Amino acid sequence: MAVASRPSFNCSTVRGAAEKAICASPELANLDRRINAVNARVVLDASRGNPGAGRVLQREQDEFIVRRNAGFGRSDYDLQKAMRERLDHLLAIGAR
């Protein structure tokens, strides 16, 4: 069950700095939860018509997380902006 101000993952087990930042911010936690929910819906919808398309979309999400984690902490990286852009991208896919 989703809980307001909680991310899509268990904060008690995170080790990465990006995840810790998400856990420390209710706004980022809510954004993470929305990204996760929209991604799950987009992947499921794509998989119904073509299982390969669902896998491609999930791989894209996995790559976003890798880039998010690698970029976090750099002076030119804006975590909130990156997460908002990801959510907007997923919403656009879902609107097709």
PDB file of N, CA and C in Angstrom:
ATOM      1  N   MET A   1       0.844  -1.176   0.000  1.00  0.00           N
ATOM      2  CA  MET A   1       0.000   0.000   0.000  1.00  0.00           C
ATOM      3  C   MET A   1       0.889   1.239   0.000  1.00  0.00           C
ATOM      4  N   ALA A   2       0.557   2.203  -0.847  1.00  0.00           N
ATOM      5  CA  ALA A   2       1.312   3.457  -0.922  1.00  0.00           C
ATOM      6  C   ALA A   2       0.944   4.353   0.252  1.00  0.00           C
ATOM      7  N   VAL A   3       1.952   4.993   0.796  1.00  0.00           N
ATOM      8  CA  VAL A   3       1.770   5.893   1.921  1.00  0.00           C
ATOM      9  C   VAL A   3       2.335   7.244   1.525  1.00  0.00           C
ATOM     10  N   ALA A   4       1.582   8.316   1.807  1.00  0.00           N
ATOM     11  CA  ALA A   4       2.049   9.656   1.456  1.00  0.00           C
ATOM     12  C   ALA A   4       3.411   9.915   2.076  1.00  0.00           C
ATOM     13  N   SER A   5       4.252  10.577   1.327  1.00  0.00           N
ATOM     14  CA  SER A   5       5.606  10.961   1.739  1.00  0.00           C
ATOM     15  C   SER A   5       6.542   9.775   1.916  1.00  0.00           C
ATOM     16  N   ARG A   6       6.198   8.651   1.347  1.00  0.00           N
ATOM     17  CA  ARG A   6       7.076   7.473   1.350  1.00  0.00           C
ATOM     18  C   ARG A   6       7.383   7.108  -0.088  1.00  0.00           C
ATOM     19  N   PRO A   7       8.628   6.779  -0.393  1.00  0.00           N
ATOM     20  CA  PRO A   7       8.954   6.381  -1.765  1.00  0.00           C
ATOM     21  C   PRO A   7       8.458   4.970  -2.061  1.00  0.00           C
ATOM     22  N   SER A   8       8.762   4.520  -3.255  1.00  0.00           N
ATOM     23  CA  SER A   8       8.322   3.196  -3.700  1.00  0.00           C
ATOM     24  C   SER A   8       9.189   2.075  -3.135  1.00  0.00           C
ATOM     25  N   PHE A   9      10.244   2.432  -2.419  1.00  0.00           N
ATOM     26  CA  PHE A   9      11.173   1.437  -1.882  1.00  0.00           C
ATOM     27  C   PHE A   9      11.284   1.605  -0.362  1.00  0.00           C
ATOM     28  N   ASN A  10      11.899   0.636   0.280  1.00  0.00           N
ATOM     29  CA  ASN A  10      12.043   0.615   1.731  1.00  0.00           C
ATOM     30  C   ASN A  10      13.253   1.452   2.144  1.00  0.00           C
ATOM     31  N   CYS A  11      13.000   2.562   2.809  1.00  0.00           N
ATOM     32  CA  CYS A  11      14.093   3.467   3.194  1.00  0.00           C
ATOM     33  C   CYS A  11      15.043   2.861   4.226  1.00  0.00           C
ATOM     34  N   SER A  12      14.605   1.872   4.955  1.00  0.00           N
ATOM     35  CA  SER A  12      15.474   1.304   5.986  1.00  0.00           C
ATOM     36  C   SER A  12      16.586   0.435   5.395  1.00  0.00           C
ATOM     37  N   THR A  13      16.497   0.130   4.112  1.00  0.00           N
ATOM     38  CA  THR A  13      17.513  -0.739   3.501  1.00  0.00           C
ATOM     39  C   THR A  13      18.361  -0.041   2.447  1.00  0.00           C
ATOM     40  N   VAL A  14      18.138   1.249   2.217  1.00  0.00           N
ATOM     41  CA  VAL A  14      18.886   1.932   1.155  1.00  0.00           C
ATOM     42  C   VAL A  14      20.311   2.242   1.592  1.00  0.00           C
ATOM     43  N   ARG A  15      21.192   2.266   0.606  1.00  0.00           N
ATOM     44  CA  ARG A  15      22.594   2.591   0.867  1.00  0.00           C
ATOM     45  C   ARG A  15      23.062   3.753   0.010  1.00  0.00           C
ATOM     46  N   GLY A  16      22.441   3.932  -1.147  1.00  0.00           N
ATOM     47  CA  GLY A  16      22.884   4.965  -2.073  1.00  0.00           C
ATOM     48  C   GLY A  16      22.457   6.362  -1.649  1.00  0.00           C
ATOM     49  N   ALA A  17      23.264   7.342  -2.028  1.00  0.00           N
ATOM     50  CA  ALA A  17      23.003   8.733  -1.653  1.00  0.00           C
ATOM     51  C   ALA A  17      21.719   9.263  -2.275  1.00  0.00           C
ATOM     52  N   ALA A  18      21.438   8.898  -3.530  1.00  0.00           N
ATOM     53  CA  ALA A  18      20.215   9.379  -4.178  1.00  0.00           C
ATOM     54  C   ALA A  18      18.982   8.856  -3.452  1.00  0.00           C
ATOM     55  N   GLU A  19      18.981   7.579  -3.110  1.00  0.00           N
ATOM     56  CA  GLU A  19      17.852   7.008  -2.393  1.00  0.00           C
ATOM     57  C   GLU A  19      17.701   7.631  -1.005  1.00  0.00           C
ATOM     58  N   LYS A  20      18.813   7.892  -0.342  1.00  0.00           N
ATOM     59  CA  LYS A  20      18.744   8.543   0.971  1.00  0.00           C
ATOM     60  C   LYS A  20      18.141   9.937   0.848  1.00  0.00           C
ATOM     61  N   ALA A  21      18.506  10.655  -0.211  1.00  0.00           N
ATOM     62  CA  ALA A  21      17.944  11.990  -0.438  1.00  0.00           C
ATOM     63  C   ALA A  21      16.438  11.899  -0.704  1.00  0.00           C
ATOM     64  N   ILE A  22      16.033  10.895  -1.459  1.00  0.00           N
ATOM     65  CA  ILE A  22      14.601  10.701  -1.743  1.00  0.00           C
ATOM     66  C   ILE A  22      13.856  10.392  -0.449  1.00  0.00           C
ATOM     67  N   CYS A  23      14.435   9.546   0.388  1.00  0.00           N
ATOM     68  CA  CYS A  23      13.808   9.201   1.660  1.00  0.00           C
ATOM     69  C   CYS A  23      13.701  10.410   2.597  1.00  0.00           C
ATOM     70  N   ALA A  24      14.642  11.332   2.497  1.00  0.00           N
ATOM     71  CA  ALA A  24      14.673  12.490   3.389  1.00  0.00           C
ATOM     72  C   ALA A  24      13.736  13.606   2.947  1.00  0.00           C
ATOM     73  N   SER A  25      13.193  13.522   1.755  1.00  0.00           N
ATOM     74  CA  SER A  25      12.353  14.589   1.217  1.00  0.00           C
ATOM     75  C   SER A  25      10.959  14.058   0.891  1.00  0.00           C
ATOM     76  N   PRO A  26       9.940  14.534   1.597  1.00  0.00           N
ATOM     77  CA  PRO A  26       8.577  14.092   1.271  1.00  0.00           C
ATOM     78  C   PRO A  26       8.207  14.369  -0.185  1.00  0.00           C
ATOM     79  N   GLU A  27       8.653  15.498  -0.736  1.00  0.00           N
ATOM     80  CA  GLU A  27       8.328  15.819  -2.125  1.00  0.00           C
ATOM     81  C   GLU A  27       8.975  14.827  -3.086  1.00  0.00           C
ATOM     82  N   LEU A  28      10.257  14.520  -2.865  1.00  0.00           N
ATOM     83  CA  LEU A  28      10.940  13.549  -3.726  1.00  0.00           C
ATOM     84  C   LEU A  28      10.369  12.148  -3.528  1.00  0.00           C
ATOM     85  N   ALA A  29      10.007  11.817  -2.299  1.00  0.00           N
ATOM     86  CA  ALA A  29       9.423  10.505  -2.031  1.00  0.00           C
ATOM     87  C   ALA A  29       8.103  10.339  -2.786  1.00  0.00           C
ATOM     88  N   ASN A  30       7.277  11.381  -2.745  1.00  0.00           N
ATOM     89  CA  ASN A  30       6.011  11.324  -3.473  1.00  0.00           C
ATOM     90  C   ASN A  30       6.250  11.227  -4.978  1.00  0.00           C
ATOM     91  N   LEU A  31       7.226  11.954  -5.474  1.00  0.00           N
ATOM     92  CA  LEU A  31       7.563  11.910  -6.882  1.00  0.00           C
ATOM     93  C   LEU A  31       8.055  10.521  -7.276  1.00  0.00           C
ATOM     94  N   ASP A  32       8.886   9.923  -6.446  1.00  0.00           N
ATOM     95  CA  ASP A  32       9.369   8.566  -6.704  1.00  0.00           C
ATOM     96  C   ASP A  32       8.213   7.573  -6.764  1.00  0.00           C
ATOM     97  N   ARG A  33       7.291   7.703  -5.851  1.00  0.00           N
ATOM     98  CA  ARG A  33       6.153   6.790  -5.811  1.00  0.00           C
ATOM     99  C   ARG A  33       5.304   6.942  -7.077  1.00  0.00           C
ATOM    100  N   ARG A  34       5.118   8.179  -7.535  1.00  0.00           N
ATOM    101  CA  ARG A  34       4.348   8.406  -8.769  1.00  0.00           C
ATOM    102  C   ARG A  34       5.076   7.829  -9.978  1.00  0.00           C
ATOM    103  N   ILE A  35       6.387   8.041 -10.042  1.00  0.00           N
ATOM    104  CA  ILE A  35       7.169   7.484 -11.148  1.00  0.00           C
ATOM    105  C   ILE A  35       7.009   5.971 -11.175  1.00  0.00           C
ATOM    106  N   ASN A  36       7.129   5.341 -10.037  1.00  0.00           N
ATOM    107  CA  ASN A  36       7.017   3.890  -9.949  1.00  0.00           C
ATOM    108  C   ASN A  36       5.636   3.417 -10.402  1.00  0.00           C
ATOM    109  N   ALA A  37       4.588   4.088  -9.957  1.00  0.00           N
ATOM    110  CA  ALA A  37       3.221   3.684 -10.305  1.00  0.00           C
ATOM    111  C   ALA A  37       2.957   3.864 -11.800  1.00  0.00           C
ATOM    112  N   VAL A  38       3.356   4.997 -12.353  1.00  0.00           N
ATOM    113  CA  VAL A  38       3.129   5.242 -13.779  1.00  0.00           C
ATOM    114  C   VAL A  38       3.971   4.285 -14.614  1.00  0.00           C
ATOM    115  N   ASN A  39       5.215   4.049 -14.203  1.00  0.00           N
ATOM    116  CA  ASN A  39       6.058   3.108 -14.930  1.00  0.00           C
ATOM    117  C   ASN A  39       5.427   1.714 -14.934  1.00  0.00           C
ATOM    118  N   ALA A  40       4.938   1.268 -13.798  1.00  0.00           N
ATOM    119  CA  ALA A  40       4.320  -0.061 -13.723  1.00  0.00           C
ATOM    120  C   ALA A  40       3.132  -0.157 -14.679  1.00  0.00           C
ATOM    121  N   ARG A  41       2.327   0.904 -14.732  1.00  0.00           N
ATOM    122  CA  ARG A  41       1.152   0.900 -15.612  1.00  0.00           C
ATOM    123  C   ARG A  41       1.581   0.895 -17.080  1.00  0.00           C
ATOM    124  N   VAL A  42       2.565   1.716 -17.429  1.00  0.00           N
ATOM    125  CA  VAL A  42       3.039   1.806 -18.818  1.00  0.00           C
ATOM    126  C   VAL A  42       3.644   0.477 -19.261  1.00  0.00           C
ATOM    127  N   VAL A  43       4.442  -0.122 -18.400  1.00  0.00           N
ATOM    128  CA  VAL A  43       5.057  -1.416 -18.736  1.00  0.00           C
ATOM    129  C   VAL A  43       3.982  -2.484 -18.909  1.00  0.00           C
ATOM    130  N   LEU A  44       3.017  -2.525 -18.012  1.00  0.00           N
ATOM    131  CA  LEU A  44       1.936  -3.510 -18.110  1.00  0.00           C
ATOM    132  C   LEU A  44       1.137  -3.312 -19.390  1.00  0.00           C
ATOM    133  N   ASP A  45       0.775  -2.074 -19.682  1.00  0.00           N
ATOM    134  CA  ASP A  45       0.010  -1.798 -20.903  1.00  0.00           C
ATOM    135  C   ASP A  45       0.783  -2.213 -22.147  1.00  0.00           C
ATOM    136  N   ALA A  46       2.065  -1.892 -22.191  1.00  0.00           N
ATOM    137  CA  ALA A  46       2.888  -2.249 -23.353  1.00  0.00           C
ATOM    138  C   ALA A  46       3.035  -3.759 -23.471  1.00  0.00           C
ATOM    139  N   SER A  47       3.152  -4.429 -22.342  1.00  0.00           N
ATOM    140  CA  SER A  47       3.351  -5.884 -22.339  1.00  0.00           C
ATOM    141  C   SER A  47       2.128  -6.637 -22.838  1.00  0.00           C
ATOM    142  N   ARG A  48       0.966  -6.058 -22.662  1.00  0.00           N
ATOM    143  CA  ARG A  48      -0.260  -6.726 -23.127  1.00  0.00           C
ATOM    144  C   ARG A  48      -0.229  -6.926 -24.631  1.00  0.00           C
ATOM    145  N   GLY A  49       0.253  -5.933 -25.342  1.00  0.00           N
ATOM    146  CA  GLY A  49       0.298  -6.037 -26.798  1.00  0.00           C
ATOM    147  C   GLY A  49       1.554  -6.695 -27.308  1.00  0.00           C
ATOM    148  N   ASN A  50       2.642  -6.537 -26.552  1.00  0.00           N
ATOM    149  CA  ASN A  50       3.934  -7.027 -27.016  1.00  0.00           C
ATOM    150  C   ASN A  50       4.858  -7.150 -25.801  1.00  0.00           C
ATOM    151  N   PRO A  51       5.089  -8.369 -25.321  1.00  0.00           N
ATOM    152  CA  PRO A  51       5.940  -8.535 -24.143  1.00  0.00           C
ATOM    153  C   PRO A  51       7.318  -7.897 -24.294  1.00  0.00           C
ATOM    154  N   GLY A  52       7.854  -7.898 -25.487  1.00  0.00           N
ATOM    155  CA  GLY A  52       9.160  -7.282 -25.722  1.00  0.00           C
ATOM    156  C   GLY A  52       9.121  -5.782 -25.485  1.00  0.00           C
ATOM    157  N   ALA A  53       8.014  -5.146 -25.830  1.00  0.00           N
ATOM    158  CA  ALA A  53       7.880  -3.703 -25.625  1.00  0.00           C
ATOM    159  C   ALA A  53       7.859  -3.378 -24.135  1.00  0.00           C
ATOM    160  N   GLY A  54       7.223  -4.203 -23.353  1.00  0.00           N
ATOM    161  CA  GLY A  54       7.215  -4.008 -21.907  1.00  0.00           C
ATOM    162  C   GLY A  54       8.609  -4.133 -21.317  1.00  0.00           C
ATOM    163  N   ARG A  55       9.374  -5.098 -21.810  1.00  0.00           N
ATOM    164  CA  ARG A  55      10.743  -5.278 -21.320  1.00  0.00           C
ATOM    165  C   ARG A  55      11.622  -4.086 -21.688  1.00  0.00           C
ATOM    166  N   VAL A  56      11.417  -3.552 -22.876  1.00  0.00           N
ATOM    167  CA  VAL A  56      12.188  -2.380 -23.302  1.00  0.00           C
ATOM    168  C   VAL A  56      11.894  -1.202 -22.382  1.00  0.00           C
ATOM    169  N   LEU A  57      10.625  -0.994 -22.068  1.00  0.00           N
ATOM    170  CA  LEU A  57      10.260   0.114 -21.184  1.00  0.00           C
ATOM    171  C   LEU A  57      10.804  -0.083 -19.777  1.00  0.00           C
ATOM    172  N   GLN A  58      10.802  -1.319 -19.286  1.00  0.00           N
ATOM    173  CA  GLN A  58      11.345  -1.566 -17.954  1.00  0.00           C
ATOM    174  C   GLN A  58      12.852  -1.355 -17.953  1.00  0.00           C
ATOM    175  N   ARG A  59      13.500  -1.749 -19.020  1.00  0.00           N
ATOM    176  CA  ARG A  59      14.953  -1.523 -19.135  1.00  0.00           C
ATOM    177  C   ARG A  59      15.240  -0.025 -19.136  1.00  0.00           C
ATOM    178  N   GLU A  60      14.396   0.754 -19.798  1.00  0.00           N
ATOM    179  CA  GLU A  60      14.550   2.208 -19.821  1.00  0.00           C
ATOM    180  C   GLU A  60      14.449   2.776 -18.400  1.00  0.00           C
ATOM    181  N   GLN A  61      13.510   2.259 -17.617  1.00  0.00           N
ATOM    182  CA  GLN A  61      13.364   2.706 -16.224  1.00  0.00           C
ATOM    183  C   GLN A  61      14.595   2.321 -15.404  1.00  0.00           C
ATOM    184  N   ASP A  62      15.076   1.116 -15.598  1.00  0.00           N
ATOM    185  CA  ASP A  62      16.269   0.668 -14.885  1.00  0.00           C
ATOM    186  C   ASP A  62      17.472   1.552 -15.225  1.00  0.00           C
ATOM    187  N   GLU A  63      17.587   1.926 -16.496  1.00  0.00           N
ATOM    188  CA  GLU A  63      18.685   2.793 -16.919  1.00  0.00           C
ATOM    189  C   GLU A  63      18.543   4.195 -16.334  1.00  0.00           C
ATOM    190  N   PHE A  64      17.298   4.681 -16.221  1.00  0.00           N
ATOM    191  CA  PHE A  64      17.072   5.976 -15.582  1.00  0.00           C
ATOM    192  C   PHE A  64      17.586   5.942 -14.141  1.00  0.00           C
ATOM    193  N   ILE A  65      17.294   4.872 -13.421  1.00  0.00           N
ATOM    194  CA  ILE A  65      17.729   4.763 -12.024  1.00  0.00           C
ATOM    195  C   ILE A  65      19.250   4.739 -11.939  1.00  0.00           C
ATOM    196  N   VAL A  66      19.890   4.038 -12.840  1.00  0.00           N
ATOM    197  CA  VAL A  66      21.358   4.005 -12.861  1.00  0.00           C
ATOM    198  C   VAL A  66      21.910   5.411 -13.109  1.00  0.00           C
ATOM    199  N   ARG A  67      21.347   6.120 -14.100  1.00  0.00           N
ATOM    200  CA  ARG A  67      21.802   7.492 -14.383  1.00  0.00           C
ATOM    201  C   ARG A  67      21.512   8.415 -13.205  1.00  0.00           C
ATOM    202  N   ARG A  68      20.349   8.262 -12.594  1.00  0.00           N
ATOM    203  CA  ARG A  68      19.990   9.080 -11.424  1.00  0.00           C
ATOM    204  C   ARG A  68      21.000   8.885 -10.313  1.00  0.00           C
ATOM    205  N   ASN A  69      21.318   7.662 -10.014  1.00  0.00           N
ATOM    206  CA  ASN A  69      22.257   7.365  -8.932  1.00  0.00           C
ATOM    207  C   ASN A  69      23.662   7.854  -9.253  1.00  0.00           C
ATOM    208  N   ALA A  70      24.065   7.716 -10.521  1.00  0.00           N
ATOM    209  CA  ALA A  70      25.410   8.161 -10.918  1.00  0.00           C
ATOM    210  C   ALA A  70      25.511   9.682 -10.934  1.00  0.00           C
ATOM    211  N   GLY A  71      24.442  10.353 -11.325  1.00  0.00           N
ATOM    212  CA  GLY A  71      24.471  11.802 -11.431  1.00  0.00           C
ATOM    213  C   GLY A  71      24.301  12.528 -10.114  1.00  0.00           C
ATOM    214  N   PHE A  72      23.634  11.889  -9.170  1.00  0.00           N
ATOM    215  CA  PHE A  72      23.361  12.553  -7.901  1.00  0.00           C
ATOM    216  C   PHE A  72      24.666  12.924  -7.199  1.00  0.00           C
ATOM    217  N   GLY A  73      24.706  14.159  -6.711  1.00  0.00           N
ATOM    218  CA  GLY A  73      25.888  14.636  -6.011  1.00  0.00           C
ATOM    219  C   GLY A  73      26.776  15.508  -6.871  1.00  0.00           C
ATOM    220  N   ARG A  74      26.619  15.403  -8.196  1.00  0.00           N
ATOM    221  CA  ARG A  74      27.368  16.301  -9.076  1.00  0.00           C
ATOM    222  C   ARG A  74      26.760  17.693  -8.975  1.00  0.00           C
ATOM    223  N   SER A  75      27.593  18.710  -9.083  1.00  0.00           N
ATOM    224  CA  SER A  75      27.112  20.086  -8.938  1.00  0.00           C
ATOM    225  C   SER A  75      26.112  20.471 -10.026  1.00  0.00           C
ATOM    226  N   ASP A  76      26.186  19.842 -11.191  1.00  0.00           N
ATOM    227  CA  ASP A  76      25.288  20.180 -12.293  1.00  0.00           C
ATOM    228  C   ASP A  76      24.053  19.276 -12.363  1.00  0.00           C
ATOM    229  N   TYR A  77      23.841  18.441 -11.355  1.00  0.00           N
ATOM    230  CA  TYR A  77      22.726  17.490 -11.378  1.00  0.00           C
ATOM    231  C   TYR A  77      21.621  17.954 -10.446  1.00  0.00           C
ATOM    232  N   ASP A  78      20.412  18.007 -10.979  1.00  0.00           N
ATOM    233  CA  ASP A  78      19.230  18.395 -10.209  1.00  0.00           C
ATOM    234  C   ASP A  78      18.316  17.178 -10.110  1.00  0.00           C
ATOM    235  N   LEU A  79      18.320  16.526  -8.959  1.00  0.00           N
ATOM    236  CA  LEU A  79      17.564  15.300  -8.759  1.00  0.00           C
ATOM    237  C   LEU A  79      16.075  15.513  -8.998  1.00  0.00           C
ATOM    238  N   GLN A  80      15.528  16.559  -8.434  1.00  0.00           N
ATOM    239  CA  GLN A  80      14.098  16.806  -8.595  1.00  0.00           C
ATOM    240  C   GLN A  80      13.749  17.026 -10.070  1.00  0.00           C
ATOM    241  N   LYS A  81      14.557  17.792 -10.767  1.00  0.00           N
ATOM    242  CA  LYS A  81      14.316  18.039 -12.188  1.00  0.00           C
ATOM    243  C   LYS A  81      14.369  16.734 -12.979  1.00  0.00           C
ATOM    244  N   ALA A  82      15.369  15.916 -12.719  1.00  0.00           N
ATOM    245  CA  ALA A  82      15.506  14.639 -13.427  1.00  0.00           C
ATOM    246  C   ALA A  82      14.295  13.746 -13.175  1.00  0.00           C
ATOM    247  N   MET A  83      13.832  13.735 -11.938  1.00  0.00           N
ATOM    248  CA  MET A  83      12.677  12.897 -11.607  1.00  0.00           C
ATOM    249  C   MET A  83      11.399  13.437 -12.249  1.00  0.00           C
ATOM    250  N   ARG A  84      11.232  14.747 -12.259  1.00  0.00           N
ATOM    251  CA  ARG A  84      10.055  15.339 -12.916  1.00  0.00           C
ATOM    252  C   ARG A  84      10.068  15.056 -14.418  1.00  0.00           C
ATOM    253  N   GLU A  85      11.233  15.165 -15.025  1.00  0.00           N
ATOM    254  CA  GLU A  85      11.346  14.871 -16.454  1.00  0.00           C
ATOM    255  C   GLU A  85      11.009  13.415 -16.731  1.00  0.00           C
ATOM    256  N   ARG A  86      11.458  12.528 -15.864  1.00  0.00           N
ATOM    257  CA  ARG A  86      11.140  11.103 -16.040  1.00  0.00           C
ATOM    258  C   ARG A  86       9.644  10.869 -15.923  1.00  0.00           C
ATOM    259  N   LEU A  87       9.026  11.486 -14.933  1.00  0.00           N
ATOM    260  CA  LEU A  87       7.580  11.328 -14.766  1.00  0.00           C
ATOM    261  C   LEU A  87       6.848  11.875 -15.989  1.00  0.00           C
ATOM    262  N   ASP A  88       7.234  13.040 -16.470  1.00  0.00           N
ATOM    263  CA  ASP A  88       6.598  13.621 -17.654  1.00  0.00           C
ATOM    264  C   ASP A  88       6.739  12.694 -18.860  1.00  0.00           C
ATOM    265  N   HIS A  89       7.922  12.098 -19.014  1.00  0.00           N
ATOM    266  CA  HIS A  89       8.163  11.167 -20.116  1.00  0.00           C
ATOM    267  C   HIS A  89       7.225   9.958 -20.007  1.00  0.00           C
ATOM    268  N   LEU A  90       7.119   9.401 -18.822  1.00  0.00           N
ATOM    269  CA  LEU A  90       6.248   8.237 -18.625  1.00  0.00           C
ATOM    270  C   LEU A  90       4.781   8.593 -18.859  1.00  0.00           C
ATOM    271  N   LEU A  91       4.369   9.759 -18.385  1.00  0.00           N
ATOM    272  CA  LEU A  91       2.988  10.191 -18.602  1.00  0.00           C
ATOM    273  C   LEU A  91       2.691  10.365 -20.090  1.00  0.00           C
ATOM    274  N   ALA A  92       3.669  10.866 -20.838  1.00  0.00           N
ATOM    275  CA  ALA A  92       3.488  11.018 -22.284  1.00  0.00           C
ATOM    276  C   ALA A  92       3.348   9.654 -22.965  1.00  0.00           C
ATOM    277  N   ILE A  93       4.123   8.682 -22.529  1.00  0.00           N
ATOM    278  CA  ILE A  93       4.000   7.323 -23.084  1.00  0.00           C
ATOM    279  C   ILE A  93       2.622   6.770 -22.766  1.00  0.00           C
ATOM    280  N   GLY A  94       2.167   6.977 -21.537  1.00  0.00           N
ATOM    281  CA  GLY A  94       0.868   6.453 -21.128  1.00  0.00           C
ATOM    282  C   GLY A  94      -0.302   7.111 -21.834  1.00  0.00           C
ATOM    283  N   ALA A  95      -0.088   8.323 -22.338  1.00  0.00           N
ATOM    284  CA  ALA A  95      -1.162   9.050 -23.006  1.00  0.00           C
ATOM    285  C   ALA A  95      -1.322   8.635 -24.474  1.00  0.00           C
ATOM    286  N   ARG A  96      -0.385   7.873 -24.995  1.00  0.00           N
ATOM    287  CA  ARG A  96      -0.446   7.471 -26.409  1.00  0.00           C
ATOM    288  C   ARG A  96      -1.582   6.505 -26.649  1.00  0.00           C
TER     289      ARG A  96
END
